[in-house]
C-alpha cells in the first residue's frame, strides 16, 4: 500500500554499448523513499534500487533529440549518479516529476 507511483519507463543505461540501445524499458516503482527498477512487472528481484532522498527531479527534454524528448525527466544529486528516464508521454513524465517532488518535500 505504500507505492506512490509505478509504471514502465525507459531508463538510460549508464554504460551503453556500441550496439545495444542506450534506453531500456524498465518497470519502475517509487515506494517508501526508494526508487526500484525491474526488467518487467513480473520480476521479483529489482535490477537496481536507490534512495530518492538527496536527489532533485526535473523535466529534461535535452536528453533526447527524437519525438520523445518532451517525455524525459531526470533525478540528479551532487555526489551520486544521475538517473535519466523517458516516460510514455509528456503528461506521464510530469506526473512522475510531481509525485517524486512531493515525496522529496516529505522526506526533507
Protein backbone atom coordinates (compact mmCIF):
# COMPACT_ATOMS: atom_id res chain seq x y z
CA UNK A 1 0.00 0.00 0.00
CA UNK A 2 3.00 2.30 0.10
CA UNK A 3 3.59 2.50 -3.65
CA UNK A 4 3.46 6.14 -4.71
CA UNK A 5 3.90 5.63 -8.43
CA UNK A 6 4.71 2.74 -10.74
CA UNK A 7 4.82 2.06 -14.45
CA UNK A 8 7.04 1.45 -17.43
CA UNK A 9 9.79 3.96 -18.13
CA UNK A 10 12.74 3.84 -20.46
CA UNK A 11 15.90 4.18 -18.41
CA UNK A 12 19.17 5.36 -19.87
CA UNK A 13 21.87 2.79 -19.25
CA UNK A 14 25.00 4.11 -17.66
CA UNK A 15 27.35 2.14 -19.90
CA UNK A 16 25.72 1.90 -23.29
CA UNK A 17 27.45 -0.50 -25.62
CA UNK A 18 28.14 0.40 -29.21
CA UNK A 19 25.36 -1.91 -30.40
CA UNK A 20 22.84 -2.05 -27.58
CA UNK A 21 20.15 0.53 -27.13
CA UNK A 22 21.08 3.06 -24.52
CA UNK A 23 17.40 3.26 -23.45
CA UNK A 24 16.00 0.16 -21.80
CA UNK A 25 12.39 -0.43 -20.86
CA UNK A 26 12.08 -0.96 -17.11
CA UNK A 27 9.18 -1.43 -14.71
CA UNK A 28 9.76 1.34 -12.16
CA UNK A 29 8.31 1.67 -8.69
CA UNK A 30 8.57 4.52 -6.18
CA UNK A 31 7.83 3.35 -2.66
CA UNK A 32 8.85 4.46 0.85
CA UNK A 33 11.55 6.83 -0.32
CA UNK A 34 13.13 4.25 -2.63
CA UNK A 35 13.16 4.00 -6.41
CA UNK A 36 13.20 0.43 -7.74
CA UNK A 37 13.58 -0.67 -11.34
CA UNK A 38 12.88 -4.15 -12.69
CA UNK A 39 13.31 -5.90 -16.04
CA UNK A 40 9.49 -6.13 -16.22
CA UNK A 41 6.47 -6.00 -13.93
CA UNK A 42 6.65 -9.76 -13.22
CA UNK A 43 10.24 -9.61 -11.95
CA UNK A 44 10.76 -10.36 -8.27
CA UNK A 45 14.31 -9.01 -7.99
CA UNK A 46 14.96 -5.38 -8.89
CA UNK A 47 17.76 -4.70 -11.34
CA UNK A 48 18.52 -1.65 -9.25
CA UNK A 49 17.32 0.47 -6.40
CA UNK A 50 18.34 3.82 -4.92
CA UNK A 51 17.30 6.19 -2.17
CA UNK A 52 15.45 9.23 -3.51
CA UNK A 53 16.39 11.43 -0.56
CA UNK A 54 19.08 13.91 -1.57
CA UNK A 55 18.08 13.87 -5.23
CA UNK A 56 16.26 16.53 -7.13
CA UNK A 57 13.92 15.79 -10.02
CA UNK A 58 13.07 17.80 -13.12
CA UNK A 59 11.86 17.53 -16.69
CA UNK A 60 14.82 17.00 -19.03
CA UNK A 61 13.99 17.50 -22.72
CA UNK A 62 17.71 17.82 -23.51
CA UNK A 63 18.17 14.05 -23.01
CA UNK A 64 16.80 13.11 -26.43
CA UNK A 65 16.54 14.57 -29.88
CA UNK A 66 13.59 12.49 -31.05
CA UNK A 67 9.82 12.82 -30.60
CA UNK A 68 10.07 11.56 -27.02
CA UNK A 69 12.15 14.46 -25.76
CA UNK A 70 9.20 16.14 -24.02
CA UNK A 71 8.65 12.91 -22.04
CA UNK A 72 12.08 12.89 -20.38
CA UNK A 73 12.95 13.58 -16.78
CA UNK A 74 15.99 13.08 -14.59
CA UNK A 75 16.98 12.62 -10.98
CA UNK A 76 20.21 14.39 -10.10
CA UNK A 77 22.32 14.56 -6.97
CA UNK A 78 25.56 16.36 -6.22
CA UNK A 79 27.55 13.29 -5.25
CA UNK A 80 25.66 10.37 -6.75
CA UNK A 81 24.82 9.01 -10.14
CA UNK A 82 22.26 10.83 -12.32
CA UNK A 83 19.27 8.73 -13.41
CA UNK A 84 17.63 9.58 -16.72
CA UNK A 85 14.21 8.36 -17.80
CA UNK A 86 11.69 8.61 -20.62
CA UNK A 87 8.01 8.23 -19.75
CA UNK A 88 5.28 7.07 -22.13
CA UNK A 89 4.00 10.65 -22.61
CA UNK A 90 4.83 14.22 -21.55
CA UNK A 91 1.88 14.17 -19.11
CA UNK A 92 3.11 10.92 -17.59
CA UNK A 93 6.62 12.36 -17.23
CA UNK A 94 5.21 15.40 -15.44
CA UNK A 95 3.27 13.11 -13.11
CA UNK A 96 6.45 11.19 -12.20
CA UNK A 97 8.21 14.51 -11.54
CA UNK A 98 5.30 15.79 -9.44
CA UNK A 99 4.96 12.62 -7.36
CA UNK A 100 8.71 12.41 -6.70
CA UNK A 101 8.79 16.14 -5.86
CA UNK A 102 6.04 15.65 -3.26
CA UNK A 103 7.94 12.72 -1.80
CA UNK A 104 11.18 14.71 -1.62
CA UNK A 105 9.39 17.51 0.25
CA UNK A 106 8.06 14.88 2.66
CA UNK A 107 11.49 13.35 3.18
CA UNK A 108 13.36 16.59 3.75
